[in-house]
N, C-alpha and C. Protein backbone atom coordinates (compact mmCIF):
# COMPACT_ATOMS: atom_id res chain seq x y z
N MET A 1 -10.94 33.40 -43.46
CA MET A 1 -10.05 32.54 -43.64
C MET A 1 -10.45 31.78 -45.03
N THR A 2 -9.49 31.49 -45.63
CA THR A 2 -10.27 30.65 -46.65
C THR A 2 -9.20 29.81 -47.11
N LEU A 3 -9.92 28.79 -47.13
CA LEU A 3 -9.13 27.28 -47.10
C LEU A 3 -9.07 27.33 -49.08
N LEU A 4 -7.53 27.22 -49.09
CA LEU A 4 -6.84 26.80 -50.44
C LEU A 4 -6.96 26.40 -51.12
N ASN A 5 -6.46 24.55 -50.20
CA ASN A 5 -7.27 23.07 -51.43
C ASN A 5 -7.46 22.29 -51.05
N ILE A 6 -7.37 21.01 -51.13
CA ILE A 6 -7.43 20.12 -49.83
C ILE A 6 -6.48 18.46 -50.99
N PHE A 7 -5.32 17.90 -50.53
CA PHE A 7 -4.53 17.87 -51.37
C PHE A 7 -4.25 16.17 -50.60
N PRO A 8 -4.06 15.16 -51.18
CA PRO A 8 -4.03 13.96 -50.70
C PRO A 8 -1.57 14.15 -50.68
N ARG A 9 -1.74 13.42 -49.35
CA ARG A 9 -0.67 13.61 -48.83
C ARG A 9 1.33 13.05 -49.33
N GLU A 10 0.81 12.66 -50.14
CA GLU A 10 1.41 12.37 -51.73
C GLU A 10 2.28 13.00 -52.81
N THR A 11 1.43 14.23 -52.48
CA THR A 11 1.52 15.08 -53.28
C THR A 11 2.41 16.40 -53.50
N VAL A 12 3.58 16.72 -54.87
CA VAL A 12 3.68 17.79 -54.33
C VAL A 12 3.69 18.48 -54.78
N GLU A 13 3.26 19.56 -55.12
CA GLU A 13 2.48 20.16 -55.41
C GLU A 13 2.92 22.01 -54.85
N PHE A 14 2.19 23.31 -56.10
CA PHE A 14 2.97 24.49 -55.95
C PHE A 14 0.84 25.03 -55.58
N GLN A 15 1.26 25.76 -54.57
CA GLN A 15 0.28 25.89 -54.18
C GLN A 15 0.54 27.74 -53.89
N PRO A 16 -0.31 28.66 -55.12
CA PRO A 16 -0.19 29.60 -54.66
C PRO A 16 -1.27 30.92 -53.72
N VAL A 17 -0.49 31.95 -53.17
CA VAL A 17 -1.49 32.02 -52.04
C VAL A 17 -1.04 33.94 -52.61
N PRO A 18 -1.93 33.96 -52.95
CA PRO A 18 -1.91 35.90 -52.90
C PRO A 18 -2.03 36.88 -52.73
N ILE A 19 -0.87 37.75 -52.16
CA ILE A 19 -1.15 38.81 -50.84
C ILE A 19 -1.60 40.16 -51.84
N THR A 20 -2.36 40.71 -51.34
CA THR A 20 -2.63 42.27 -52.11
C THR A 20 -2.54 42.80 -50.71
N VAL A 21 -1.79 44.42 -51.28
CA VAL A 21 -2.19 45.79 -50.25
C VAL A 21 -2.71 46.62 -51.22
N GLY A 22 -3.70 47.58 -49.99
CA GLY A 22 -4.50 48.18 -50.56
C GLY A 22 -5.48 47.41 -52.40
N GLY A 23 -5.50 45.95 -52.26
CA GLY A 23 -6.15 45.59 -53.55
C GLY A 23 -5.01 45.88 -54.63
N VAL A 24 -3.36 46.02 -54.23
CA VAL A 24 -2.28 46.13 -55.28
C VAL A 24 -1.68 44.49 -55.38
N ALA A 25 -1.29 43.26 -55.76
CA ALA A 25 -1.13 42.31 -55.11
C ALA A 25 -0.12 43.43 -55.39
N VAL A 26 1.23 42.12 -54.28
CA VAL A 26 2.45 42.17 -53.98
C VAL A 26 3.51 40.83 -54.09
N THR A 27 4.36 41.37 -54.99
CA THR A 27 4.93 40.22 -55.00
C THR A 27 6.27 39.82 -54.36
N THR A 28 6.57 40.70 -53.99
CA THR A 28 8.31 41.63 -53.80
C THR A 28 7.67 41.17 -52.38
N GLY A 29 9.76 41.29 -51.19
CA GLY A 29 9.09 41.66 -49.91
C GLY A 29 8.32 41.25 -49.13
N VAL A 30 7.87 39.55 -49.36
CA VAL A 30 7.00 38.56 -48.71
C VAL A 30 7.38 37.68 -49.09
N THR A 31 7.28 37.00 -47.02
CA THR A 31 7.82 35.88 -47.25
C THR A 31 6.64 35.08 -45.95
N TYR A 32 7.01 33.50 -46.07
CA TYR A 32 5.10 32.69 -45.18
C TYR A 32 6.01 31.90 -44.60
N SER A 33 4.83 31.15 -43.38
CA SER A 33 5.27 30.78 -42.49
C SER A 33 4.08 29.41 -43.34
N VAL A 34 4.30 28.42 -42.56
CA VAL A 34 3.35 27.52 -43.05
C VAL A 34 3.49 26.52 -42.13
N VAL A 35 1.49 26.58 -40.65
CA VAL A 35 1.89 25.88 -39.30
C VAL A 35 1.14 24.53 -39.00
N ALA A 36 0.74 23.76 -38.59
CA ALA A 36 -0.07 22.79 -38.28
C ALA A 36 -1.66 24.03 -37.66
N GLU A 37 -2.37 24.15 -38.24
CA GLU A 37 -3.65 24.03 -37.15
C GLU A 37 -3.68 24.12 -35.76
N GLY A 38 -3.09 25.97 -35.74
CA GLY A 38 -4.20 25.98 -33.86
C GLY A 38 -2.53 26.79 -33.22
N THR A 39 -1.26 26.24 -34.53
CA THR A 39 0.31 26.68 -33.75
C THR A 39 -0.56 28.06 -34.89
N ARG A 40 1.28 28.63 -34.04
CA ARG A 40 1.48 30.05 -34.01
C ARG A 40 2.96 30.07 -35.34
N PRO A 41 3.26 30.90 -35.97
CA PRO A 41 4.08 31.46 -36.98
C PRO A 41 5.74 31.62 -36.07
N THR A 42 6.82 30.54 -36.75
CA THR A 42 7.13 31.59 -36.06
C THR A 42 8.91 31.23 -36.94
N VAL A 43 9.50 30.83 -38.30
CA VAL A 43 10.01 30.92 -38.66
C VAL A 43 9.26 31.43 -40.43
N PHE A 44 9.72 32.12 -40.84
CA PHE A 44 9.18 32.85 -42.47
C PHE A 44 10.11 32.28 -43.48
N VAL A 45 10.27 31.79 -44.54
CA VAL A 45 10.92 31.77 -45.64
C VAL A 45 9.97 32.42 -46.38
N ALA A 46 11.44 32.35 -47.82
CA ALA A 46 10.97 32.91 -49.05
C ALA A 46 10.13 32.18 -49.92
N PRO A 47 9.28 32.79 -50.46
CA PRO A 47 8.24 32.02 -51.39
C PRO A 47 8.85 31.83 -52.47
N THR A 48 7.85 30.62 -53.14
CA THR A 48 8.16 29.77 -53.67
C THR A 48 7.69 30.60 -55.42
N THR A 49 8.38 30.98 -56.66
CA THR A 49 7.87 32.04 -57.20
C THR A 49 7.67 30.43 -58.53
N LEU A 50 6.51 30.85 -59.31
CA LEU A 50 6.01 30.37 -60.26
C LEU A 50 5.36 31.17 -61.29
N GLY A 51 6.17 31.53 -62.56
CA GLY A 51 5.28 32.30 -63.00
C GLY A 51 5.60 33.65 -62.65
N ASP A 52 4.19 34.18 -62.62
CA ASP A 52 4.20 35.83 -62.56
C ASP A 52 3.64 35.74 -60.76
N GLU A 53 3.39 34.54 -60.45
CA GLU A 53 2.75 33.45 -58.71
C GLU A 53 3.25 33.74 -57.33
N ILE A 54 3.40 34.22 -57.04
CA ILE A 54 3.86 33.66 -55.85
C ILE A 54 3.13 32.71 -54.31
N GLY A 55 4.05 31.18 -53.95
CA GLY A 55 3.06 31.03 -53.04
C GLY A 55 4.14 29.69 -51.93
N VAL A 56 3.29 28.77 -52.16
CA VAL A 56 4.31 27.85 -51.05
C VAL A 56 4.41 26.13 -51.80
N MET A 57 5.32 25.73 -51.87
CA MET A 57 5.07 24.17 -52.49
C MET A 57 5.07 23.85 -51.43
N VAL A 58 3.24 22.62 -51.26
CA VAL A 58 3.15 21.33 -50.38
C VAL A 58 3.74 20.08 -50.72
N ALA A 59 4.36 20.26 -49.47
CA ALA A 59 5.08 18.15 -50.67
C ALA A 59 5.65 18.43 -48.68
N GLY A 60 5.55 16.67 -48.38
CA GLY A 60 6.05 16.07 -47.37
C GLY A 60 4.74 16.29 -45.72
N PHE A 61 3.69 16.75 -45.39
CA PHE A 61 2.43 17.89 -44.89
C PHE A 61 2.21 16.33 -43.98
N ALA A 62 2.65 16.23 -43.20
CA ALA A 62 1.62 14.82 -42.52
C ALA A 62 0.43 15.34 -42.51
N PRO A 63 -0.83 14.64 -42.94
CA PRO A 63 -2.25 14.24 -43.26
C PRO A 63 -3.43 15.22 -41.88
N GLY A 64 -3.91 16.76 -42.08
CA GLY A 64 -4.54 17.10 -41.42
C GLY A 64 -4.89 18.68 -41.90
N TYR A 65 -5.20 19.86 -40.61
CA TYR A 65 -5.44 21.16 -42.25
C TYR A 65 -4.08 21.66 -41.14
N TRP A 66 -3.27 23.10 -42.63
CA TRP A 66 -2.06 23.20 -42.12
C TRP A 66 -2.38 24.89 -42.74
N ARG A 67 -2.11 26.49 -41.92
CA ARG A 67 -2.11 27.76 -41.78
C ARG A 67 -1.22 28.23 -42.80
N VAL A 68 -1.32 29.64 -43.63
CA VAL A 68 -0.71 30.01 -44.51
C VAL A 68 -0.83 30.89 -43.76
N PHE A 69 0.60 31.59 -43.03
CA PHE A 69 0.89 33.68 -42.62
C PHE A 69 1.72 33.60 -43.41
N ALA A 70 1.50 35.10 -43.68
CA ALA A 70 2.71 35.75 -44.97
C ALA A 70 3.22 37.37 -43.78
N LYS A 71 4.35 37.27 -44.12
CA LYS A 71 4.57 38.06 -43.51
C LYS A 71 5.10 39.88 -45.07
N ILE A 72 4.37 40.87 -45.11
CA ILE A 72 5.65 41.86 -45.24
C ILE A 72 6.22 43.08 -45.64
N ALA A 73 6.72 42.79 -46.36
CA ALA A 73 8.28 44.25 -45.77
C ALA A 73 7.46 44.89 -46.22
N SER A 74 7.34 46.86 -45.24
CA SER A 74 6.24 47.72 -45.85
C SER A 74 6.27 48.48 -44.53
N SER A 75 7.90 48.80 -44.89
CA SER A 75 7.98 50.47 -44.07
C SER A 75 6.89 51.53 -43.62
N PRO A 76 7.18 51.45 -42.11
CA PRO A 76 7.86 51.02 -41.61
C PRO A 76 6.51 50.36 -40.49
N GLU A 77 6.31 49.15 -40.72
CA GLU A 77 5.37 48.34 -40.56
C GLU A 77 5.73 46.79 -41.02
N THR A 78 5.52 46.15 -40.62
CA THR A 78 5.91 44.33 -41.05
C THR A 78 4.56 43.89 -40.21
N PRO A 79 3.36 43.95 -41.61
CA PRO A 79 2.09 42.79 -41.03
C PRO A 79 2.42 41.74 -41.55
N VAL A 80 2.43 40.93 -40.02
CA VAL A 80 1.82 39.15 -40.83
C VAL A 80 0.50 39.12 -40.49
N VAL A 81 0.02 38.34 -41.67
CA VAL A 81 -1.20 38.37 -42.16
C VAL A 81 -1.91 36.61 -41.79
N ASP A 82 -3.12 36.93 -41.75
CA ASP A 82 -3.57 34.83 -41.86
C ASP A 82 -3.91 34.95 -43.80
N ALA A 83 -3.05 34.15 -44.56
CA ALA A 83 -3.30 33.44 -45.35
C ALA A 83 -4.81 33.15 -45.79
N GLY A 84 -4.60 31.53 -44.71
CA GLY A 84 -5.75 31.09 -45.34
C GLY A 84 -5.40 29.78 -44.77
N TYR A 85 -5.41 28.45 -45.65
CA TYR A 85 -5.47 27.14 -44.35
C TYR A 85 -5.11 25.81 -46.38
N PHE A 86 -4.82 24.96 -45.90
CA PHE A 86 -4.59 24.29 -46.75
C PHE A 86 -5.49 22.52 -45.83
N GLN A 87 -5.97 21.75 -46.63
CA GLN A 87 -5.55 19.92 -45.86
C GLN A 87 -5.33 19.43 -46.70
N ILE A 88 -4.61 18.52 -45.82
CA ILE A 88 -3.58 17.21 -46.36
C ILE A 88 -4.89 15.83 -46.31
N THR A 89 -4.99 15.50 -46.63
CA THR A 89 -5.89 13.78 -46.36
C THR A 89 -4.98 12.36 -46.15
């Protein structure tokens, strides 16, 4: 899993989280869950879109490591993938 970035806790920033399926970028049918390191995702929300990128907004997180999970709607499957983590200082 990849460290996406390190942010100060005061930041409000877009963190792109690219998703590919078979080497092709996917921007529709993707939802994200951001959870504290060591916990499992339970709630998935629509991504933030900035330009042609999708990802999550980093704002209001407590210091520590936060894991990003992505759920991809791809009938008949709905894979959930670990998309990396970021750190809040």
